[in-house]
Protein backbone atom coordinates (compact mmCIF):
# COMPACT_ATOMS: atom_id res chain seq x y z
CA MET A 1 -0.64 3.85 28.24
CA THR A 2 1.94 4.01 25.46
CA LYS A 3 0.40 3.32 22.08
CA GLU A 4 2.06 1.01 19.59
CA ILE A 5 3.32 2.74 16.47
CA TYR A 6 2.19 1.44 13.11
CA LEU A 7 3.71 2.51 9.82
CA THR A 8 2.80 1.84 6.24
CA GLY A 9 2.68 3.73 2.94
CA ASP A 10 2.44 3.79 -0.83
CA ARG A 11 4.60 4.76 -3.78
CA PRO A 12 3.32 7.89 -5.57
CA THR A 13 3.22 6.47 -9.09
CA GLY A 14 -0.46 7.17 -9.76
CA LYS A 15 -3.81 7.30 -8.05
CA LEU A 16 -4.75 4.49 -5.64
CA HIS A 17 -7.22 1.80 -6.68
CA ILE A 18 -9.67 -0.50 -4.93
CA GLY A 19 -6.96 -3.13 -4.57
CA HIS A 20 -5.06 -0.73 -2.30
CA TYR A 21 -8.30 0.04 -0.51
CA VAL A 22 -9.17 -3.55 0.35
CA GLY A 23 -5.57 -4.71 0.75
CA SER A 24 -4.36 -2.04 3.15
CA LEU A 25 -6.23 1.27 3.34
CA LYS A 26 -9.28 -0.09 5.18
CA ASN A 27 -6.98 -1.71 7.73
CA ARG A 28 -5.18 1.58 8.28
CA VAL A 29 -8.38 3.51 8.89
CA ALA A 30 -9.70 0.86 11.28
CA MET A 31 -6.43 0.87 13.25
CA GLN A 32 -6.39 4.66 13.28
CA ASN A 33 -9.92 4.84 14.65
CA SER A 34 -9.38 2.12 17.26
CA GLY A 35 -7.40 4.54 19.40
CA GLU A 36 -4.88 1.78 20.18
CA TYR A 37 -2.12 2.94 17.85
CA GLU A 38 -0.01 5.92 16.88
CA PRO A 39 -0.26 5.78 13.08
CA PHE A 40 2.37 6.94 10.56
CA VAL A 41 1.52 6.76 6.86
CA MET A 42 4.23 7.55 4.35
CA ILE A 43 4.13 8.63 0.72
CA ALA A 44 7.22 6.77 -0.49
CA ASP A 45 8.52 9.15 -3.15
CA THR A 46 12.16 8.14 -2.64
CA GLN A 47 11.22 4.56 -3.38
CA ALA A 48 9.22 5.66 -6.42
CA PHE A 49 12.37 7.21 -7.86
CA THR A 50 14.06 3.78 -7.91
CA ASP A 51 12.28 2.94 -11.15
CA ASN A 52 10.94 6.36 -12.19
CA ALA A 53 14.07 8.50 -11.84
CA ARG A 54 13.69 9.85 -15.37
CA ASP A 55 10.05 10.79 -14.91
CA PRO A 56 10.00 13.08 -11.86
CA GLU A 57 6.79 14.81 -12.96
CA LYS A 58 4.92 11.52 -12.56
CA ILE A 59 6.03 11.36 -8.93
CA HIS A 60 5.37 15.05 -8.23
CA ARG A 61 1.87 14.82 -9.69
CA SER A 62 1.06 11.55 -7.94
CA LEU A 63 2.15 12.86 -4.54
CA THR A 64 -0.96 15.03 -4.30
CA GLU A 65 -3.19 12.33 -5.79
CA VAL A 66 -2.14 9.80 -3.17
CA ALA A 67 -2.62 12.35 -0.37
CA LEU A 68 -6.15 13.03 -1.64
CA ASP A 69 -6.90 9.31 -1.70
CA TYR A 70 -5.67 8.99 1.88
CA LEU A 71 -7.97 11.74 3.06
CA ALA A 72 -10.86 10.41 0.98
CA VAL A 73 -10.84 6.95 2.56
CA GLY A 74 -10.83 8.43 6.06
CA LEU A 75 -7.25 8.91 7.18
CA ASP A 76 -7.34 11.89 9.52
CA PRO A 77 -4.30 14.18 9.98
CA LYS A 78 -5.44 14.80 13.57
CA LYS A 79 -5.00 11.09 14.30
CA THR A 80 -2.47 9.92 11.69
CA THR A 81 0.89 11.44 10.78
CA MET A 82 0.96 11.52 6.97
CA PHE A 83 4.39 12.43 5.63
CA VAL A 84 6.69 12.36 2.61
CA GLN A 85 9.61 9.92 2.64
CA SER A 86 12.19 12.17 0.96
CA GLN A 87 11.71 14.83 3.63
CA ILE A 88 12.94 12.54 6.44
CA LYS A 89 16.71 12.99 6.21
CA GLY A 90 17.53 10.35 8.81
CA LEU A 91 16.13 7.67 6.50
CA PHE A 92 19.01 8.11 4.05
CA GLU A 93 21.56 7.79 6.82
CA LEU A 94 19.98 4.71 8.39
CA THR A 95 19.63 3.05 4.98
CA GLU A 96 23.36 3.52 4.38
CA TYR A 97 24.21 1.90 7.71
CA TYR A 98 21.89 -1.04 6.95
CA MET A 99 23.56 -1.58 3.56
CA ASN A 100 26.62 -2.89 5.37
CA LEU A 101 24.60 -5.49 7.28
CA VAL A 102 22.99 -7.31 4.33
CA THR A 103 24.55 -9.24 1.46
CA VAL A 104 23.83 -9.03 -2.24
CA ALA A 105 22.95 -12.72 -2.18
CA ARG A 106 20.30 -12.10 0.49
CA LEU A 107 18.73 -9.30 -1.51
CA GLN A 108 18.68 -11.55 -4.59
CA ARG A 109 16.70 -14.18 -2.69
CA ASN A 110 13.92 -11.79 -1.70
CA PRO A 111 10.87 -13.25 -3.53
CA THR A 112 8.95 -9.95 -3.58
CA VAL A 113 11.84 -8.14 -5.27
CA LYS A 114 12.39 -11.03 -7.70
CA ALA A 115 8.73 -10.95 -8.73
CA GLU A 116 8.71 -7.17 -9.19
CA ILE A 117 11.94 -7.22 -11.21
CA GLU A 118 10.40 -9.81 -13.51
CA GLN A 119 7.13 -7.88 -13.78
CA LYS A 120 8.91 -4.66 -14.70
CA GLY A 121 11.10 -6.40 -17.29
CA PHE A 122 14.38 -4.90 -16.13
CA GLY A 123 16.45 -7.80 -17.44
CA GLU A 124 20.09 -7.03 -16.70
CA SER A 125 19.38 -3.30 -16.28
CA ILE A 126 18.08 -3.32 -12.72
CA PRO A 127 18.57 0.07 -11.07
CA ALA A 128 20.70 -0.35 -7.95
CA GLY A 129 18.19 1.67 -5.95
CA PHE A 130 15.37 -0.70 -6.91
CA PHE A 131 17.43 -3.77 -6.13
CA THR A 132 18.19 -2.48 -2.64
CA TYR A 133 14.85 -0.92 -1.77
CA PRO A 134 14.07 -3.59 0.87
CA VAL A 135 16.91 -2.02 2.85
CA SER A 136 15.38 1.43 2.48
CA GLN A 137 12.02 -0.01 3.47
CA ALA A 138 13.58 -1.48 6.61
CA ALA A 139 14.85 2.00 7.50
CA ASP A 140 11.36 3.45 6.94
CA ILE A 141 9.85 1.06 9.45
CA THR A 142 12.53 0.96 12.10
CA ILE A 143 13.38 4.65 12.30
CA PHE A 144 9.90 5.13 13.79
CA LYS A 145 10.19 1.94 15.88
CA ALA A 146 6.97 0.70 14.30
CA LYS A 147 5.71 -2.56 15.79
CA LYS A 148 2.82 -3.01 13.39
CA VAL A 149 2.90 -2.66 9.58
CA PRO A 150 -0.43 -2.99 7.71
CA VAL A 151 0.48 -4.47 4.30
CA GLY A 152 -0.68 -6.89 1.64
CA ASP A 153 0.20 -10.58 1.91
CA ASP A 154 2.96 -10.25 -0.69
CA GLN A 155 4.96 -7.98 1.62
CA GLU A 156 5.77 -10.55 4.31
CA PRO A 157 9.22 -11.29 2.77
CA MET A 158 10.03 -7.58 3.07
CA LEU A 159 9.09 -7.59 6.74
CA GLU A 160 11.20 -10.67 7.38
CA GLN A 161 14.18 -8.91 5.80
CA THR A 162 13.51 -5.93 8.08
CA ARG A 163 13.50 -8.18 11.13
CA GLU A 164 16.81 -9.69 10.01
CA LEU A 165 18.35 -6.23 9.73
CA VAL A 166 17.08 -5.25 13.17
CA ARG A 167 18.67 -8.36 14.66
CA ALA A 168 21.90 -7.75 12.75
CA PHE A 169 22.13 -4.13 13.90
CA ASN A 170 21.28 -4.82 17.53
CA SER A 171 23.79 -7.67 17.61
CA ALA A 172 26.60 -5.77 15.86
CA TYR A 173 26.33 -2.77 18.17
CA ASN A 174 25.25 -4.56 21.36
CA THR A 175 22.00 -2.66 21.71
CA ASP A 176 18.25 -3.19 21.71
CA ILE A 177 17.15 0.20 20.43
CA LEU A 178 15.55 -1.12 17.24
CA VAL A 179 12.37 -3.23 17.33
CA GLU A 180 11.20 -6.06 15.08
CA PRO A 181 7.95 -5.26 13.26
CA GLN A 182 5.02 -7.56 12.62
CA GLY A 183 2.67 -7.38 9.66
CA VAL A 184 -1.04 -6.69 9.87
CA PHE A 185 -2.60 -8.46 6.92
CA PRO A 186 -6.01 -8.24 5.23
CA ALA A 187 -8.73 -10.70 6.18
CA LYS A 188 -8.39 -14.08 4.51
CA GLY A 189 -9.25 -13.89 0.83
CA LEU A 190 -8.83 -10.11 0.64
CA GLY A 191 -5.06 -9.90 0.21
CA ARG A 192 -5.13 -9.37 -3.53
CA ILE A 193 -7.94 -8.33 -5.85
CA PRO A 194 -7.71 -9.50 -9.46
CA GLY A 195 -7.78 -6.94 -12.23
CA ILE A 196 -10.94 -6.42 -14.25
CA ASP A 197 -9.29 -8.46 -17.03
CA GLY A 198 -8.94 -11.52 -14.80
CA ASN A 199 -5.23 -10.99 -14.23
CA ALA A 200 -4.24 -12.22 -10.77
CA LYS A 201 -3.18 -8.72 -9.72
CA MET A 202 -4.86 -5.35 -10.08
CA SER A 203 -2.12 -2.95 -11.09
CA LYS A 204 -1.68 0.60 -12.31
CA SER A 205 0.93 -0.58 -14.77
CA LEU A 206 -1.34 -3.26 -16.25
CA GLY A 207 -4.20 -0.82 -16.84
CA ASN A 208 -6.75 -3.17 -15.25
CA ALA A 209 -7.67 -1.18 -12.15
CA ILE A 210 -10.73 0.59 -10.78
CA TYR A 211 -9.48 3.75 -9.06
CA LEU A 212 -10.93 5.25 -5.91
CA SER A 213 -11.30 8.52 -7.83
CA ASP A 214 -13.12 7.02 -10.86
CA ASP A 215 -16.50 8.62 -11.45
CA ALA A 216 -19.68 6.53 -11.54
CA ASP A 217 -19.77 6.24 -15.34
CA THR A 218 -16.15 5.10 -15.46
CA VAL A 219 -16.75 2.46 -12.81
CA ALA A 220 -19.81 1.20 -14.71
CA ALA A 221 -17.84 1.05 -17.96
CA LYS A 222 -15.02 -0.90 -16.31
CA VAL A 223 -17.42 -3.36 -14.73
CA LYS A 224 -18.92 -4.00 -18.18
CA GLN A 225 -15.44 -5.02 -19.38
CA MET A 226 -14.95 -7.50 -16.55
CA TYR A 227 -13.87 -11.04 -17.22
CA THR A 228 -16.62 -13.52 -16.32
CA ASP A 229 -17.07 -17.03 -17.78
CA PRO A 230 -16.17 -17.24 -21.47
CA GLN A 231 -18.35 -20.37 -21.81
CA HIS A 232 -21.43 -18.54 -20.49
CA ILE A 233 -22.71 -17.41 -23.89
CA GLN A 234 -26.48 -17.65 -23.50
CA VAL A 235 -28.36 -16.47 -20.42
CA SER A 236 -29.76 -19.98 -20.04
CA ASP A 237 -26.27 -21.57 -20.05
CA PRO A 238 -24.97 -22.79 -16.68
CA GLY A 239 -22.08 -20.57 -15.64
CA HIS A 240 -18.92 -21.02 -13.61
CA ILE A 241 -18.11 -18.83 -10.64
CA GLU A 242 -14.50 -19.99 -10.23
CA GLY A 243 -12.21 -17.37 -11.79
CA ASN A 244 -15.23 -15.15 -12.51
CA VAL A 245 -14.06 -11.68 -11.51
CA VAL A 246 -17.59 -10.35 -10.94
CA PHE A 247 -18.23 -12.90 -8.22
CA THR A 248 -14.79 -12.30 -6.72
CA TYR A 249 -15.69 -8.63 -6.34
CA LEU A 250 -19.13 -9.41 -4.95
CA ASP A 251 -17.56 -11.67 -2.32
CA ILE A 252 -15.37 -8.77 -1.26
CA PHE A 253 -17.66 -5.75 -1.52
CA ASP A 254 -21.26 -6.94 -1.07
CA PRO A 255 -22.24 -7.04 2.63
CA ASP A 256 -25.34 -9.09 1.73
CA LYS A 257 -23.71 -12.51 1.66
CA ALA A 258 -27.06 -14.30 1.37
CA GLN A 259 -27.78 -12.37 -1.83
CA VAL A 260 -24.37 -13.26 -3.24
CA ALA A 261 -24.96 -16.93 -2.47
CA SER A 262 -28.34 -16.76 -4.23
CA LEU A 263 -26.78 -15.13 -7.31
CA LYS A 264 -24.09 -17.80 -7.45
CA GLU A 265 -26.72 -20.52 -7.36
CA GLN A 266 -28.75 -18.88 -10.13
CA TYR A 267 -25.65 -18.38 -12.29
CA GLN A 268 -24.51 -21.96 -11.94
CA GLN A 269 -27.95 -23.31 -12.76
CA GLY A 270 -28.42 -21.01 -15.74
CA GLY A 271 -30.84 -18.13 -16.15
CA LEU A 272 -28.73 -15.24 -14.90
CA GLY A 273 -27.09 -13.08 -17.55
CA ASP A 274 -23.68 -11.48 -17.22
CA MET A 275 -24.98 -7.98 -17.89
CA LYS A 276 -27.62 -8.20 -15.17
CA LEU A 277 -24.95 -9.49 -12.79
CA LYS A 278 -22.60 -6.66 -13.74
CA ARG A 279 -25.30 -4.04 -13.19
CA TYR A 280 -25.79 -5.40 -9.70
CA LEU A 281 -22.04 -5.27 -9.01
CA THR A 282 -21.95 -1.68 -10.28
CA GLU A 283 -24.58 -0.74 -7.67
CA VAL A 284 -22.60 -2.48 -4.93
CA LEU A 285 -19.36 -0.72 -5.88
CA GLU A 286 -21.07 2.64 -6.20
CA SER A 287 -22.44 2.29 -2.67
CA GLU A 288 -18.86 1.85 -1.40
CA LEU A 289 -17.09 4.35 -3.65
CA LYS A 290 -19.51 7.28 -3.80
CA PRO A 291 -18.76 8.60 -0.25
CA ILE A 292 -15.03 8.24 -0.93
CA ARG A 293 -15.33 10.13 -4.21
CA GLU A 294 -17.32 12.92 -2.58
CA ARG A 295 -14.81 13.37 0.25
CA ARG A 296 -11.99 13.44 -2.28
CA ALA A 297 -13.70 16.17 -4.27
CA SER A 298 -14.08 18.34 -1.17
CA PHE A 299 -10.37 18.04 -0.28
CA GLU A 300 -9.43 18.68 -3.90
CA GLU A 301 -10.87 22.20 -3.59
CA ASP A 302 -7.92 23.26 -1.40
CA ILE A 303 -4.69 21.63 -2.61
CA PRO A 304 -2.46 24.09 -0.64
CA ALA A 305 -4.11 22.82 2.55
CA VAL A 306 -3.35 19.22 1.51
CA LEU A 307 0.31 20.10 0.92
CA GLN A 308 0.46 21.94 4.26
CA MET A 309 -0.90 18.81 5.93
CA LEU A 310 1.94 16.79 4.36
CA LYS A 311 4.53 19.36 5.45
CA ASP A 312 3.24 19.41 9.03
CA GLY A 313 3.24 15.62 9.08
CA SER A 314 6.77 15.50 7.66
CA ASP A 315 8.01 17.97 10.28
CA HIS A 316 6.57 15.82 13.06
CA ALA A 317 7.95 12.62 11.51
CA ASN A 318 11.39 14.23 11.29
CA GLN A 319 11.37 14.93 15.02
CA ILE A 320 10.56 11.30 15.82
CA ALA A 321 13.11 9.97 13.33
CA GLU A 322 15.88 12.19 14.68
CA LYS A 323 15.36 10.80 18.19
CA THR A 324 15.99 7.30 16.84
CA MET A 325 19.00 8.44 14.84
CA THR A 326 20.54 10.01 17.94
CA GLU A 327 20.33 6.57 19.57
CA VAL A 328 21.65 4.85 16.42
CA ARG A 329 24.70 7.13 16.20
CA ALA A 330 25.45 6.63 19.87
CA ALA A 331 25.20 2.85 19.53
CA MET A 332 27.56 2.90 16.54
CA GLY A 333 29.93 5.37 18.19
CA VAL A 334 29.73 7.90 15.35
CA ASN A 335 28.50 10.71 17.61
CA TYR A 336 32.07 12.01 17.67
CA PHE A 337 31.30 15.61 18.45
CA ASP A 338 28.51 15.33 20.99
CA GLY A 339 29.21 17.64 23.88
CA LEU A 340 31.47 19.95 21.89
CA LYS A 341 30.54 23.55 21.26
């Protein structure tokens, strides 16, 4: 039985945090271990250059950090092809072909890009590469003919743009070689984790993240800083759970849902202090993060082996990508010299 290919990835602009873990990484590991898929996971360094072109060291350093996080959460190079985007030469070619099948106006309407441009404060100085990265992302997915793409909820507009490009290419060149991907999204309520400051999004750039590699003391310190209920001043005061980041995290990470429900009831009635609640959350997070941290430390002892894993994965990914590009060139009629010596 032919397995469906899934593809996803991350930009190497820093270590990965628990938002990545809940939003996508856990899905990837579950799909990998199901045996139903052929997984490809990409470190998107080319995409990272779109807004970090003048800070290459940040990307170089983060490449290894992201690879370590992948291995730490349970991605297995024997089951999953982990590779580096810039090493897949066909991606640049396919992106260029796609550029001619999408309009500037369509790229401007992409809500994900609009939101990220606003967040990064580019103003009128938007790098062209950043503006067009949905096209590059479409190439990433379709060059491997991925049918499934595990992503966060905010990435659905990117997938729709990919599907549009697939339809445009297949129509323009009278072919069906490219396939339309579908997203695999987190369970309801887990698409986005708020930052420890209460901001709607946990983000490296906002400095409000708990990283998968944070040690136990750092996690405890960050939990202590968490936004709760500003009106809950005395332990005896009734508290609010809506918008209370501690309870949001407990809903996500604590498997004991009955205990969470009991804590919510106590907090709303009054009599449960924020610090006691935060100590409990710290224990819950430590139970989840400690095995990840320990696996990461073991892989960190042999960085050359981690880089070799990425090279081997990139070599394999290149072979798959080149098969697709051979079909693409034939469909477009640019295989001028096939058959010549």
